[in-house]
Structures are given as structure tokens and as C-alpha cells.
């Protein structure tokens, strides 16, 4: 399905922004034991914030310009970035996580929004409103730069000696913990993640080509 109606696209994207803002508010601002700066040191919250800001920008373009040019590649990167949140949380992190009063409520609406609902809404926005066949084979190598920059940010943050309330570590995720695994192991973990993200990008492009071939033009 490819919906060409610009107003339907705008309305759907407004819902993404509203739900995304509520998700961040519920999952971040209600936690009494964690400072806002710490919340926005987690990939999940930063990827959700990126989506919100991008779709606000996208909505403005759709309102003031009938045609949208040169934004497809950026949107592809945003889509991959938020889908990483969905995949890593549900397949890697969730089995090891528990509720912590004042820090995290895994069953809260906000937690479900930032990890599941918003990523799926962004993917459905692509399915419903994006012209297919616009991506190039080089794009996954560009898209991977966004999550890789997050790794650089975490290394810099850890060097400042700040610990996370939930993990009691300088690192938000166990597979990035240099003090636990050592630098070489963490670099290897990052290398594997980079390969996986690039692979995810190529899967996304494959789906895009398939949808184009089956009439989503």
C-alpha cells in the first residue's frame, strides 16, 4: 500500500510526534531517582527523541512544500535507528531487565511506547506514505554512522566517570562495558553490531525493492 494523500501523511506523522512525546515523558520524567541527563544518555531515548525532532521537521516541510526532496535518505537512517531500539530491546535486553522502583517500570505505557509502539509506527509510516525504490546500496553504510556516533558519545561519557543508576556502571548496556569485558572485547562487540546494522540496512533495502516491484510506486 502506498498512500499519496499528503494530508493523511501529515496527520499520521502528527500522531507519531504526540505519542512519541508522551512516551518520553512517561518513561523519563516520571522516574524520581534518575536525572533527565542520564535518561538521555540511553540509546532508546535518544533514538526516540531523534524520531520526534525529525518528524516535526518533516511535518513542517509537508505543510509548507507540496513536494519533499532530498529527505528520503535521512528518513531511512532515522527508521533504521529506531528499529535498532525495537530489535535490541526485545531480543537482547528485555530478558535480563527487571522493574526498579523510581528508575524503571517495564510495564508502563511509556516503556512500551519508546521500545515497541513508536518504532512500529515509524516503520508503518514508511510502508504507508513513502515512495518505494528510492534507496541505494551505499545507504546502509551511511545509516550506521548514527548508532556508531552513539558509541563514541558513551565512551566520552564514561571517561568523565559518570555512572548509570540502573546499571551502577559507567556504561548503559552490558555489551559496551569496557571495565567488565575489556577494550578488545567491546570493540569486537561494536564491530559485530556495525555489521548487523549494515545487514539490517540491506534487509530494509531488499524490502523496499520488493514493495516497489509489487506496485508500491
N, C-alpha and C. Protein backbone atom coordinates (compact mmCIF):
# COMPACT_ATOMS: atom_id res chain seq x y z
N UNK A 1 0.84 -1.20 0.00
CA UNK A 1 0.00 0.00 0.00
C UNK A 1 0.87 1.25 0.00
N UNK A 2 0.52 2.19 -0.85
CA UNK A 2 1.23 3.47 -0.90
C UNK A 2 0.18 4.58 -0.96
N UNK A 3 0.02 5.31 0.13
CA UNK A 3 -0.97 6.38 0.21
C UNK A 3 -0.31 7.69 -0.19
N UNK A 4 -0.80 8.30 -1.24
CA UNK A 4 -0.22 9.53 -1.76
C UNK A 4 -0.85 10.79 -1.16
N UNK A 5 -1.88 10.62 -0.35
CA UNK A 5 -2.57 11.77 0.24
C UNK A 5 -1.67 12.48 1.25
N UNK A 6 -1.30 13.72 0.93
CA UNK A 6 -0.37 14.49 1.78
C UNK A 6 -0.97 14.78 3.15
N UNK A 7 -2.29 15.02 3.20
CA UNK A 7 -2.92 15.36 4.48
C UNK A 7 -2.98 14.15 5.41
N UNK A 8 -3.22 12.99 4.83
CA UNK A 8 -3.20 11.76 5.64
C UNK A 8 -1.81 11.53 6.21
N UNK A 9 -0.80 11.80 5.38
CA UNK A 9 0.58 11.65 5.83
C UNK A 9 0.90 12.60 6.97
N UNK A 10 0.46 13.84 6.85
CA UNK A 10 0.70 14.84 7.90
C UNK A 10 0.03 14.43 9.20
N UNK A 11 -1.23 14.00 9.11
CA UNK A 11 -1.98 13.61 10.31
C UNK A 11 -1.31 12.43 11.00
N UNK A 12 -0.90 11.44 10.24
CA UNK A 12 -0.23 10.27 10.83
C UNK A 12 1.07 10.67 11.52
N UNK A 13 1.84 11.54 10.89
CA UNK A 13 3.11 11.98 11.46
C UNK A 13 2.89 12.81 12.72
N UNK A 14 1.80 13.57 12.75
CA UNK A 14 1.47 14.32 13.98
C UNK A 14 1.21 13.34 15.12
N UNK A 15 0.52 12.25 14.82
CA UNK A 15 0.29 11.22 15.85
C UNK A 15 1.61 10.63 16.33
N UNK A 16 2.55 10.41 15.42
CA UNK A 16 3.86 9.90 15.81
C UNK A 16 4.52 10.85 16.81
N UNK A 17 4.48 12.14 16.50
CA UNK A 17 5.11 13.14 17.37
C UNK A 17 4.43 13.18 18.74
N UNK A 18 3.10 13.20 18.76
CA UNK A 18 2.36 13.28 20.02
C UNK A 18 2.61 12.06 20.89
N UNK A 19 2.49 10.88 20.28
CA UNK A 19 2.70 9.64 21.03
C UNK A 19 4.16 9.53 21.48
N UNK A 20 5.09 9.96 20.62
CA UNK A 20 6.50 9.92 20.99
C UNK A 20 6.81 10.82 22.16
N UNK A 21 6.26 12.02 22.17
CA UNK A 21 6.47 12.95 23.28
C UNK A 21 5.91 12.38 24.57
N UNK A 22 4.71 11.80 24.49
CA UNK A 22 4.12 11.21 25.70
C UNK A 22 4.96 10.03 26.18
N UNK A 23 5.46 9.23 25.25
CA UNK A 23 6.28 8.09 25.63
C UNK A 23 7.53 8.50 26.38
N UNK A 24 8.22 9.53 25.88
CA UNK A 24 9.42 10.02 26.56
C UNK A 24 9.06 10.63 27.92
N UNK A 25 7.96 11.36 27.96
CA UNK A 25 7.54 11.96 29.24
C UNK A 25 7.26 10.88 30.27
N UNK A 26 6.50 9.86 29.87
CA UNK A 26 6.10 8.83 30.82
C UNK A 26 7.28 7.96 31.26
N UNK A 27 8.20 7.71 30.35
CA UNK A 27 9.30 6.81 30.69
C UNK A 27 10.50 7.53 31.31
N UNK A 28 10.59 8.84 31.10
CA UNK A 28 11.76 9.60 31.59
C UNK A 28 11.43 10.53 32.75
N UNK A 29 10.44 11.37 32.58
CA UNK A 29 10.21 12.44 33.54
C UNK A 29 9.51 11.97 34.81
N UNK A 30 8.95 10.77 34.78
CA UNK A 30 8.29 10.25 35.98
C UNK A 30 9.22 9.45 36.88
N UNK A 31 10.43 9.18 36.40
CA UNK A 31 11.39 8.40 37.20
C UNK A 31 12.05 9.33 38.22
N UNK A 32 11.76 9.12 39.49
CA UNK A 32 12.19 10.05 40.54
C UNK A 32 13.67 9.95 40.88
N UNK A 33 14.30 8.79 40.61
CA UNK A 33 15.67 8.57 41.04
C UNK A 33 16.70 8.84 39.94
N UNK A 34 16.24 9.15 38.76
CA UNK A 34 17.15 9.30 37.62
C UNK A 34 17.02 10.72 37.05
N UNK A 35 18.15 11.38 36.86
CA UNK A 35 18.16 12.71 36.29
C UNK A 35 17.90 12.65 34.79
N UNK A 36 17.34 13.74 34.26
CA UNK A 36 16.98 13.79 32.84
C UNK A 36 18.21 13.57 31.96
N UNK A 37 19.34 14.14 32.34
CA UNK A 37 20.55 13.97 31.56
C UNK A 37 20.95 12.51 31.44
N UNK A 38 20.73 11.74 32.50
CA UNK A 38 21.04 10.31 32.45
C UNK A 38 20.07 9.58 31.53
N UNK A 39 18.80 9.94 31.61
CA UNK A 39 17.81 9.32 30.72
C UNK A 39 18.21 9.48 29.26
N UNK A 40 18.69 10.68 28.93
CA UNK A 40 19.03 10.94 27.54
C UNK A 40 20.47 10.58 27.22
N UNK A 41 21.00 9.66 28.01
CA UNK A 41 22.26 9.01 27.67
C UNK A 41 22.01 7.58 27.22
N UNK A 42 20.74 7.16 27.24
CA UNK A 42 20.36 5.83 26.75
C UNK A 42 20.00 5.93 25.27
N UNK A 43 20.43 4.94 24.52
CA UNK A 43 20.16 4.91 23.08
C UNK A 43 18.66 4.97 22.80
N UNK A 44 17.88 4.25 23.60
CA UNK A 44 16.42 4.21 23.38
C UNK A 44 15.83 5.61 23.36
N UNK A 45 16.13 6.40 24.38
CA UNK A 45 15.52 7.72 24.49
C UNK A 45 16.07 8.68 23.45
N UNK A 46 17.36 8.57 23.14
CA UNK A 46 17.92 9.43 22.10
C UNK A 46 17.35 9.09 20.73
N UNK A 47 17.15 7.80 20.45
CA UNK A 47 16.58 7.42 19.16
C UNK A 47 15.14 7.88 19.05
N UNK A 48 14.39 7.82 20.16
CA UNK A 48 13.02 8.32 20.15
C UNK A 48 13.00 9.84 19.98
N UNK A 49 13.90 10.55 20.66
CA UNK A 49 13.99 11.99 20.51
C UNK A 49 14.35 12.37 19.07
N UNK A 50 15.26 11.62 18.47
CA UNK A 50 15.63 11.87 17.08
C UNK A 50 14.41 11.73 16.17
N UNK A 51 13.60 10.69 16.40
CA UNK A 51 12.39 10.49 15.60
C UNK A 51 11.42 11.67 15.75
N UNK A 52 11.21 12.10 16.99
CA UNK A 52 10.28 13.20 17.25
C UNK A 52 10.74 14.47 16.52
N UNK A 53 12.02 14.82 16.67
CA UNK A 53 12.54 16.03 16.03
C UNK A 53 12.49 15.91 14.51
N UNK A 54 12.82 14.72 14.00
CA UNK A 54 12.79 14.53 12.55
C UNK A 54 11.37 14.69 12.00
N UNK A 55 10.39 14.09 12.68
CA UNK A 55 9.02 14.16 12.16
C UNK A 55 8.41 15.55 12.32
N UNK A 56 8.83 16.29 13.33
CA UNK A 56 8.40 17.70 13.42
C UNK A 56 8.92 18.45 12.19
N UNK A 57 10.19 18.23 11.88
CA UNK A 57 10.80 18.84 10.70
C UNK A 57 10.08 18.39 9.42
N UNK A 58 9.78 17.10 9.34
CA UNK A 58 9.12 16.53 8.15
C UNK A 58 7.72 17.12 7.99
N UNK A 59 6.99 17.23 9.09
CA UNK A 59 5.64 17.81 9.04
C UNK A 59 5.69 19.24 8.52
N UNK A 60 6.65 20.01 9.01
CA UNK A 60 6.79 21.40 8.56
C UNK A 60 7.04 21.46 7.06
N UNK A 61 7.88 20.56 6.56
CA UNK A 61 8.16 20.52 5.11
C UNK A 61 6.89 20.18 4.33
N UNK A 62 6.13 19.19 4.82
CA UNK A 62 4.90 18.79 4.13
C UNK A 62 3.85 19.89 4.13
N UNK A 63 3.83 20.68 5.19
CA UNK A 63 2.83 21.75 5.28
C UNK A 63 3.18 22.91 4.33
N UNK A 64 4.45 23.26 4.28
CA UNK A 64 4.84 24.45 3.52
C UNK A 64 5.34 24.15 2.11
N UNK A 65 5.59 22.86 1.82
CA UNK A 65 6.04 22.48 0.48
C UNK A 65 5.27 21.24 0.03
N UNK A 66 4.71 21.29 -1.15
CA UNK A 66 3.92 20.16 -1.63
C UNK A 66 4.80 18.96 -1.97
N UNK A 67 6.02 19.22 -2.41
CA UNK A 67 6.91 18.13 -2.77
C UNK A 67 8.08 18.07 -1.78
N UNK A 68 8.45 16.86 -1.41
CA UNK A 68 9.55 16.64 -0.47
C UNK A 68 10.72 16.05 -1.24
N UNK A 69 11.83 16.76 -1.25
CA UNK A 69 13.01 16.29 -1.96
C UNK A 69 14.19 16.15 -1.00
N UNK A 70 15.06 15.21 -1.33
CA UNK A 70 16.33 15.02 -0.61
C UNK A 70 16.14 14.72 0.88
N UNK A 71 15.05 14.06 1.24
CA UNK A 71 14.84 13.73 2.64
C UNK A 71 14.76 12.21 2.85
N UNK A 72 14.62 11.47 1.75
CA UNK A 72 14.45 10.02 1.83
C UNK A 72 15.59 9.32 2.53
N UNK A 73 16.84 9.69 2.19
CA UNK A 73 18.00 9.03 2.78
C UNK A 73 18.05 9.29 4.28
N UNK A 74 17.76 10.52 4.68
CA UNK A 74 17.75 10.86 6.10
C UNK A 74 16.67 10.07 6.83
N UNK A 75 15.49 9.97 6.21
CA UNK A 75 14.42 9.22 6.85
C UNK A 75 14.77 7.74 6.96
N UNK A 76 15.45 7.21 5.96
CA UNK A 76 15.90 5.82 6.04
C UNK A 76 16.80 5.61 7.24
N UNK A 77 17.71 6.56 7.49
CA UNK A 77 18.59 6.47 8.64
C UNK A 77 17.85 6.54 9.95
N UNK A 78 16.85 7.42 10.03
CA UNK A 78 16.04 7.54 11.24
C UNK A 78 15.25 6.26 11.47
N UNK A 79 14.71 5.69 10.41
CA UNK A 79 13.93 4.44 10.52
C UNK A 79 14.80 3.30 11.03
N UNK A 80 16.00 3.15 10.47
CA UNK A 80 16.91 2.10 10.93
C UNK A 80 17.31 2.34 12.38
N UNK A 81 17.56 3.59 12.74
CA UNK A 81 17.98 3.93 14.11
C UNK A 81 16.94 3.51 15.13
N UNK A 82 15.66 3.79 14.87
CA UNK A 82 14.62 3.44 15.83
C UNK A 82 14.30 1.95 15.80
N UNK A 83 14.48 1.29 14.65
CA UNK A 83 14.25 -0.15 14.60
C UNK A 83 15.32 -0.92 15.37
N UNK A 84 16.51 -0.36 15.48
CA UNK A 84 17.55 -0.96 16.32
C UNK A 84 17.07 -1.00 17.76
N UNK A 85 16.43 0.08 18.21
CA UNK A 85 15.85 0.12 19.56
C UNK A 85 14.87 -1.02 19.74
N UNK A 86 13.98 -1.21 18.79
CA UNK A 86 12.96 -2.26 18.85
C UNK A 86 13.60 -3.64 18.91
N UNK A 87 14.57 -3.89 18.03
CA UNK A 87 15.17 -5.23 17.93
C UNK A 87 16.03 -5.55 19.14
N UNK A 88 16.91 -4.63 19.53
CA UNK A 88 17.83 -4.89 20.65
C UNK A 88 17.07 -5.05 21.95
N UNK A 89 16.06 -4.20 22.17
CA UNK A 89 15.29 -4.29 23.41
C UNK A 89 14.57 -5.63 23.51
N UNK A 90 13.86 -6.00 22.46
CA UNK A 90 13.01 -7.19 22.52
C UNK A 90 13.78 -8.51 22.44
N UNK A 91 14.91 -8.51 21.74
CA UNK A 91 15.64 -9.75 21.55
C UNK A 91 16.85 -9.91 22.47
N UNK A 92 17.43 -8.78 22.93
CA UNK A 92 18.67 -8.85 23.71
C UNK A 92 18.48 -8.41 25.16
N UNK A 93 17.89 -7.24 25.36
CA UNK A 93 17.86 -6.64 26.70
C UNK A 93 16.70 -7.10 27.57
N UNK A 94 15.52 -7.19 26.99
CA UNK A 94 14.31 -7.43 27.79
C UNK A 94 14.40 -8.67 28.68
N UNK A 95 14.97 -9.80 28.23
CA UNK A 95 15.03 -10.98 29.10
C UNK A 95 15.84 -10.77 30.37
N UNK A 96 16.74 -9.76 30.38
CA UNK A 96 17.61 -9.55 31.53
C UNK A 96 17.17 -8.39 32.41
N UNK A 97 16.12 -7.69 32.01
CA UNK A 97 15.72 -6.48 32.72
C UNK A 97 14.63 -6.76 33.74
N UNK A 98 14.64 -5.99 34.82
CA UNK A 98 13.62 -6.10 35.87
C UNK A 98 13.15 -4.71 36.26
N UNK A 99 11.99 -4.64 36.88
CA UNK A 99 11.49 -3.36 37.37
C UNK A 99 12.35 -2.85 38.52
N UNK A 100 12.57 -1.54 38.56
CA UNK A 100 13.24 -0.91 39.69
C UNK A 100 12.43 0.32 40.08
N UNK A 101 11.93 0.33 41.30
CA UNK A 101 11.06 1.42 41.75
C UNK A 101 11.82 2.75 41.68
N UNK A 102 11.18 3.72 41.06
CA UNK A 102 11.77 5.04 40.92
C UNK A 102 12.75 5.16 39.78
N UNK A 103 13.05 4.04 39.10
CA UNK A 103 14.00 4.06 38.00
C UNK A 103 13.35 3.59 36.71
N UNK A 104 12.70 2.42 36.75
CA UNK A 104 12.16 1.83 35.53
C UNK A 104 10.96 0.96 35.82
N UNK A 105 9.91 1.15 35.05
CA UNK A 105 8.72 0.31 35.11
C UNK A 105 8.54 -0.31 33.73
N UNK A 106 8.88 -1.58 33.62
CA UNK A 106 8.86 -2.24 32.32
C UNK A 106 7.46 -2.37 31.75
N UNK A 107 6.44 -2.29 32.61
CA UNK A 107 5.06 -2.44 32.15
C UNK A 107 4.35 -1.11 31.94
N UNK A 108 5.08 -0.01 32.06
CA UNK A 108 4.46 1.30 31.87
C UNK A 108 4.14 1.55 30.41
N UNK A 109 3.18 2.43 30.18
CA UNK A 109 2.81 2.80 28.81
C UNK A 109 4.01 3.42 28.10
N UNK A 110 4.72 4.29 28.83
CA UNK A 110 5.87 4.96 28.23
C UNK A 110 6.93 3.98 27.77
N UNK A 111 7.21 2.97 28.58
CA UNK A 111 8.23 1.98 28.21
C UNK A 111 7.82 1.21 26.95
N UNK A 112 6.54 0.87 26.85
CA UNK A 112 6.06 0.19 25.65
C UNK A 112 6.10 1.10 24.43
N UNK A 113 5.83 2.38 24.63
CA UNK A 113 5.86 3.32 23.50
C UNK A 113 7.27 3.45 22.94
N UNK A 114 8.25 3.75 23.82
CA UNK A 114 9.60 4.04 23.32
C UNK A 114 10.29 2.81 22.75
N UNK A 115 9.91 1.61 23.22
CA UNK A 115 10.59 0.40 22.76
C UNK A 115 9.84 -0.36 21.66
N UNK A 116 8.53 -0.19 21.60
CA UNK A 116 7.74 -1.02 20.68
C UNK A 116 6.84 -0.18 19.78
N UNK A 117 5.96 0.62 20.39
CA UNK A 117 4.91 1.31 19.62
C UNK A 117 5.49 2.32 18.66
N UNK A 118 6.35 3.23 19.12
CA UNK A 118 6.90 4.25 18.23
C UNK A 118 7.75 3.65 17.11
N UNK A 119 8.64 2.68 17.39
CA UNK A 119 9.37 2.07 16.27
C UNK A 119 8.46 1.47 15.21
N UNK A 120 7.38 0.80 15.63
CA UNK A 120 6.46 0.21 14.66
C UNK A 120 5.68 1.29 13.90
N UNK A 121 5.33 2.38 14.58
CA UNK A 121 4.63 3.48 13.91
C UNK A 121 5.52 4.11 12.84
N UNK A 122 6.81 4.25 13.14
CA UNK A 122 7.75 4.81 12.16
C UNK A 122 7.87 3.88 10.96
N UNK A 123 7.96 2.59 11.21
CA UNK A 123 8.04 1.63 10.11
C UNK A 123 6.77 1.65 9.26
N UNK A 124 5.61 1.74 9.90
CA UNK A 124 4.36 1.81 9.16
C UNK A 124 4.25 3.11 8.38
N UNK A 125 4.84 4.19 8.88
CA UNK A 125 4.85 5.45 8.13
C UNK A 125 5.59 5.25 6.82
N UNK A 126 6.70 4.54 6.88
CA UNK A 126 7.43 4.22 5.64
C UNK A 126 6.56 3.38 4.71
N UNK A 127 5.94 2.33 5.24
CA UNK A 127 5.14 1.42 4.41
C UNK A 127 3.97 2.15 3.75
N UNK A 128 3.34 3.03 4.51
CA UNK A 128 2.12 3.68 4.02
C UNK A 128 2.38 4.89 3.13
N UNK A 129 3.40 5.69 3.45
CA UNK A 129 3.49 7.01 2.83
C UNK A 129 4.76 7.28 2.01
N UNK A 130 5.72 6.38 2.04
CA UNK A 130 6.96 6.64 1.31
C UNK A 130 6.95 5.98 -0.07
N UNK A 131 7.45 6.70 -1.04
CA UNK A 131 7.64 6.12 -2.36
C UNK A 131 8.75 5.09 -2.26
N UNK A 132 8.53 3.92 -2.84
CA UNK A 132 9.49 2.84 -2.72
C UNK A 132 10.52 2.87 -3.86
N UNK A 133 11.65 2.22 -3.61
CA UNK A 133 12.71 2.15 -4.61
C UNK A 133 13.61 3.36 -4.65
N UNK A 134 13.63 4.15 -3.58
CA UNK A 134 14.41 5.38 -3.55
C UNK A 134 15.79 5.19 -2.94
N UNK A 135 16.05 4.04 -2.33
CA UNK A 135 17.30 3.85 -1.60
C UNK A 135 18.37 3.21 -2.47
N UNK A 136 19.62 3.44 -2.08
CA UNK A 136 20.78 2.95 -2.82
C UNK A 136 21.58 1.98 -1.95
N UNK A 137 22.38 1.12 -2.57
CA UNK A 137 23.14 0.12 -1.83
C UNK A 137 24.19 0.74 -0.90
N UNK A 138 24.56 1.98 -1.14
CA UNK A 138 25.54 2.63 -0.28
C UNK A 138 24.91 3.18 0.99
N UNK A 139 23.58 3.29 1.02
CA UNK A 139 22.89 3.93 2.14
C UNK A 139 23.13 3.26 3.49
N UNK A 140 23.13 1.91 3.59
CA UNK A 140 23.37 1.29 4.90
C UNK A 140 24.69 1.70 5.54
N UNK A 141 25.69 2.00 4.72
CA UNK A 141 26.99 2.42 5.25
C UNK A 141 26.94 3.85 5.79
N UNK A 142 25.96 4.60 5.34
CA UNK A 142 25.73 5.95 5.87
C UNK A 142 24.86 5.87 7.12
N UNK A 143 23.83 5.06 7.07
CA UNK A 143 22.90 4.94 8.19
C UNK A 143 23.59 4.46 9.47
N UNK A 144 24.60 3.59 9.33
CA UNK A 144 25.26 3.02 10.50
C UNK A 144 26.03 4.08 11.29
N UNK A 145 26.29 5.24 10.69
CA UNK A 145 27.03 6.29 11.38
C UNK A 145 26.27 6.83 12.58
N UNK A 146 24.93 6.82 12.52
CA UNK A 146 24.14 7.36 13.63
C UNK A 146 24.34 6.54 14.90
N UNK A 147 24.10 5.22 14.89
CA UNK A 147 24.36 4.44 16.11
C UNK A 147 25.84 4.39 16.47
N UNK A 148 26.75 4.47 15.47
CA UNK A 148 28.17 4.47 15.80
C UNK A 148 28.55 5.74 16.56
N UNK A 149 27.94 6.86 16.22
CA UNK A 149 28.19 8.11 16.95
C UNK A 149 27.73 7.98 18.40
N UNK A 150 26.68 7.20 18.62
CA UNK A 150 26.23 6.96 19.99
C UNK A 150 27.31 6.24 20.79
N UNK A 151 27.98 5.28 20.19
CA UNK A 151 29.07 4.57 20.88
C UNK A 151 30.18 5.54 21.27
N UNK A 152 30.54 6.45 20.38
CA UNK A 152 31.56 7.46 20.68
C UNK A 152 31.10 8.33 21.85
N UNK A 153 29.84 8.71 21.84
CA UNK A 153 29.28 9.51 22.93
C UNK A 153 29.39 8.79 24.27
N UNK A 154 29.08 7.49 24.29
CA UNK A 154 29.14 6.71 25.52
C UNK A 154 30.57 6.59 26.04
N UNK A 155 31.53 6.42 25.15
CA UNK A 155 32.93 6.36 25.55
C UNK A 155 33.37 7.67 26.20
N UNK A 156 32.97 8.78 25.59
CA UNK A 156 33.30 10.10 26.16
C UNK A 156 32.64 10.27 27.52
N UNK A 157 31.36 9.87 27.62
CA UNK A 157 30.64 9.99 28.88
C UNK A 157 31.29 9.14 29.97
N UNK A 158 31.68 7.93 29.63
CA UNK A 158 32.31 7.04 30.60
C UNK A 158 33.64 7.60 31.08
N UNK A 159 34.36 8.28 30.19
CA UNK A 159 35.66 8.85 30.57
C UNK A 159 35.50 9.95 31.61
N UNK A 160 34.31 10.51 31.71
CA UNK A 160 34.03 11.54 32.71
C UNK A 160 33.69 10.94 34.07
N UNK A 161 33.56 9.60 34.12
CA UNK A 161 33.36 8.90 35.39
C UNK A 161 31.93 8.87 35.90
N UNK A 162 30.95 9.19 35.05
CA UNK A 162 29.57 9.20 35.47
C UNK A 162 28.97 7.80 35.38
N UNK A 163 28.29 7.37 36.43
CA UNK A 163 27.67 6.04 36.44
C UNK A 163 26.17 6.15 36.20
N UNK A 164 25.59 5.05 35.71
CA UNK A 164 24.15 4.97 35.48
C UNK A 164 23.48 4.37 36.70
N UNK A 165 22.35 4.94 37.07
CA UNK A 165 21.63 4.49 38.27
C UNK A 165 21.19 3.04 38.15
N UNK A 166 20.68 2.68 36.97
CA UNK A 166 20.12 1.33 36.80
C UNK A 166 21.20 0.27 36.78
N UNK A 167 22.31 0.54 36.11
CA UNK A 167 23.35 -0.47 35.96
C UNK A 167 24.47 -0.35 36.98
N UNK A 168 24.56 0.80 37.68
CA UNK A 168 25.67 1.09 38.60
C UNK A 168 27.01 0.98 37.87
N UNK A 169 27.01 1.26 36.59
CA UNK A 169 28.18 1.17 35.74
C UNK A 169 28.32 2.49 34.97
N UNK A 170 29.48 2.70 34.40
CA UNK A 170 29.67 3.88 33.56
C UNK A 170 29.05 3.69 32.19
N UNK A 171 28.59 2.48 31.94
CA UNK A 171 28.06 2.14 30.62
C UNK A 171 26.59 1.72 30.73
N UNK A 172 25.74 2.17 29.81
CA UNK A 172 24.31 1.88 29.92
C UNK A 172 23.93 0.45 29.57
N UNK A 173 24.75 -0.21 28.73
CA UNK A 173 24.44 -1.55 28.27
C UNK A 173 25.65 -2.46 28.52
N UNK A 174 25.39 -3.68 28.98
CA UNK A 174 26.46 -4.56 29.41
C UNK A 174 27.46 -4.88 28.30
N UNK A 175 26.99 -4.94 27.06
CA UNK A 175 27.90 -5.30 25.96
C UNK A 175 28.83 -4.17 25.56
N UNK A 176 28.66 -2.98 26.18
CA UNK A 176 29.56 -1.86 25.93
C UNK A 176 30.47 -1.59 27.13
N UNK A 177 30.37 -2.41 28.14
CA UNK A 177 31.09 -2.17 29.40
C UNK A 177 32.56 -2.58 29.27
N UNK A 178 33.43 -1.61 29.05
CA UNK A 178 34.85 -1.87 28.89
C UNK A 178 35.47 -2.38 30.19
N UNK A 179 35.00 -1.88 31.33
CA UNK A 179 35.55 -2.32 32.60
C UNK A 179 35.21 -3.78 32.89
N UNK A 180 34.09 -4.26 32.37
CA UNK A 180 33.69 -5.64 32.58
C UNK A 180 34.35 -6.59 31.59
N UNK A 181 34.38 -6.21 30.31
CA UNK A 181 34.83 -7.13 29.26
C UNK A 181 36.21 -6.78 28.69
N UNK A 182 36.67 -5.56 28.92
CA UNK A 182 37.93 -5.13 28.32
C UNK A 182 37.70 -4.45 26.98
N UNK A 183 38.66 -3.63 26.58
CA UNK A 183 38.50 -2.82 25.38
C UNK A 183 38.37 -3.67 24.12
N UNK A 184 39.22 -4.70 23.99
CA UNK A 184 39.20 -5.51 22.77
C UNK A 184 37.86 -6.22 22.58
N UNK A 185 37.31 -6.77 23.66
CA UNK A 185 36.03 -7.45 23.55
C UNK A 185 34.91 -6.48 23.18
N UNK A 186 34.93 -5.30 23.78
CA UNK A 186 33.89 -4.30 23.48
C UNK A 186 34.03 -3.83 22.02
N UNK A 187 35.26 -3.62 21.57
CA UNK A 187 35.45 -3.24 20.17
C UNK A 187 34.95 -4.33 19.24
N UNK A 188 35.16 -5.57 19.63
CA UNK A 188 34.64 -6.69 18.83
C UNK A 188 33.12 -6.69 18.84
N UNK A 189 32.52 -6.42 20.03
CA UNK A 189 31.06 -6.32 20.12
C UNK A 189 30.53 -5.22 19.21
N UNK A 190 31.22 -4.07 19.21
CA UNK A 190 30.79 -2.95 18.37
C UNK A 190 30.94 -3.32 16.90
N UNK A 191 32.02 -4.00 16.56
CA UNK A 191 32.24 -4.44 15.18
C UNK A 191 31.09 -5.34 14.72
N UNK A 192 30.69 -6.28 15.59
CA UNK A 192 29.57 -7.16 15.24
C UNK A 192 28.28 -6.37 15.09
N UNK A 193 28.07 -5.39 15.97
CA UNK A 193 26.86 -4.58 15.88
C UNK A 193 26.84 -3.75 14.60
N UNK A 194 28.01 -3.21 14.23
CA UNK A 194 28.10 -2.44 12.98
C UNK A 194 27.73 -3.33 11.79
N UNK A 195 28.26 -4.55 11.77
CA UNK A 195 27.92 -5.48 10.69
C UNK A 195 26.43 -5.80 10.69
N UNK A 196 25.87 -6.00 11.90
CA UNK A 196 24.45 -6.32 12.00
C UNK A 196 23.58 -5.16 11.53
N UNK A 197 23.99 -3.93 11.86
CA UNK A 197 23.21 -2.75 11.46
C UNK A 197 23.28 -2.57 9.95
N UNK A 198 24.47 -2.75 9.38
CA UNK A 198 24.59 -2.67 7.92
C UNK A 198 23.74 -3.75 7.27
N UNK A 199 23.77 -4.97 7.86
CA UNK A 199 22.92 -6.05 7.35
C UNK A 199 21.45 -5.69 7.43
N UNK A 200 21.05 -5.08 8.55
CA UNK A 200 19.66 -4.64 8.70
C UNK A 200 19.31 -3.61 7.62
N UNK A 201 20.27 -2.74 7.32
CA UNK A 201 20.04 -1.75 6.27
C UNK A 201 19.80 -2.40 4.92
N UNK A 202 20.56 -3.44 4.61
CA UNK A 202 20.38 -4.14 3.33
C UNK A 202 19.06 -4.91 3.31
N UNK A 203 18.66 -5.46 4.46
CA UNK A 203 17.34 -6.11 4.53
C UNK A 203 16.24 -5.09 4.25
N UNK A 204 16.40 -3.90 4.84
CA UNK A 204 15.43 -2.82 4.64
C UNK A 204 15.35 -2.44 3.16
N UNK A 205 16.52 -2.33 2.51
CA UNK A 205 16.54 -2.00 1.09
C UNK A 205 15.90 -3.13 0.27
N UNK A 206 16.15 -4.38 0.68
CA UNK A 206 15.53 -5.51 -0.01
C UNK A 206 14.02 -5.46 0.08
N UNK A 207 13.51 -5.14 1.26
CA UNK A 207 12.06 -4.99 1.44
C UNK A 207 11.54 -3.84 0.58
N UNK A 208 12.31 -2.74 0.55
CA UNK A 208 11.93 -1.58 -0.24
C UNK A 208 11.82 -1.94 -1.73
N UNK A 209 12.79 -2.69 -2.23
CA UNK A 209 12.77 -3.10 -3.64
C UNK A 209 11.59 -4.05 -3.92
N UNK A 210 11.32 -4.93 -2.95
CA UNK A 210 10.21 -5.87 -3.12
C UNK A 210 8.88 -5.12 -3.18
N UNK A 211 8.72 -4.13 -2.30
CA UNK A 211 7.48 -3.34 -2.29
C UNK A 211 7.35 -2.53 -3.59
N UNK A 212 8.46 -2.01 -4.08
CA UNK A 212 8.42 -1.28 -5.33
C UNK A 212 7.97 -2.18 -6.48
N UNK A 213 8.51 -3.38 -6.50
CA UNK A 213 8.19 -4.33 -7.56
C UNK A 213 6.73 -4.75 -7.53
N UNK A 214 6.13 -4.74 -6.34
CA UNK A 214 4.74 -5.21 -6.21
C UNK A 214 3.74 -4.06 -6.16
N UNK A 215 4.10 -2.97 -6.83
CA UNK A 215 3.09 -1.93 -7.08
C UNK A 215 3.10 -0.75 -6.14
N UNK A 216 4.06 -0.65 -5.17
CA UNK A 216 4.08 0.48 -4.26
C UNK A 216 4.95 1.59 -4.86
N UNK A 217 4.49 2.20 -5.90
CA UNK A 217 5.23 3.26 -6.60
C UNK A 217 4.59 4.61 -6.34
